[in-house]
Amino acid sequence: MKFDTVVKVASAASALILLSACASSSGPDVAATDTGAATTAPAPSGPAPGSQADLEQSAGHRVFFAYDQYTLTPQAQATLARQAAWLKQYPNVRILIAGNCDERGTREYNLALGARRAEAARAYLVSLGVDGSRITTVSYGKERPIDPRSTEEAWSLNRNATTTITGVSS
């Protein structure tokens, strides 16, 4: 055999080995059972039930407020209604509602306004049947902005109450 032919055969074999090592199945995972039949493992579809990601995707985790207000808008009430339904589905989940403000106003004023926003969200969830002992509130005032810019768009994002899962009781 000529040297060129050996190199070509060796190159072709190497390429096949590399391709087979890198190949992936685009079909479902199949596992053999003790009966010899094959079963298909279910593919994960979305966030884990009862997780923060599930709350955010299923119900939303943030409601927004008008400037210098803590009154819930119809849109905020709709989000909180979805949160209440989600929380009823997962009765052992405990949450924290954090009230936030934009950068305007004093630190003290914004801490008080953030507390009123968090409490407004909490009270609405309780009015919809969520056990109040599962909900903790805190105000961050203007200390934790979503958007650090000094624009009307940023300020409107920063005026919110954010719901976060803090744990699961037994």
Foldseek 3Di string as FASTA:
>chain_A
DDPVVVVVVVVVVVVVVVCVVPDDDPDFDWDADPVRDIDGDDDDDFDDQPAQRCLCVQQNFKAFDDPPDQDGDPVNLRSLLRSLVSCVVQVQWAKEKEFFAAPPDDQVVQQVSRQSNSVNSLVSSVVSPRPSVRYHYGYPRHPDFPDPDPDPVSRRRGGMIGMHTDDGHD
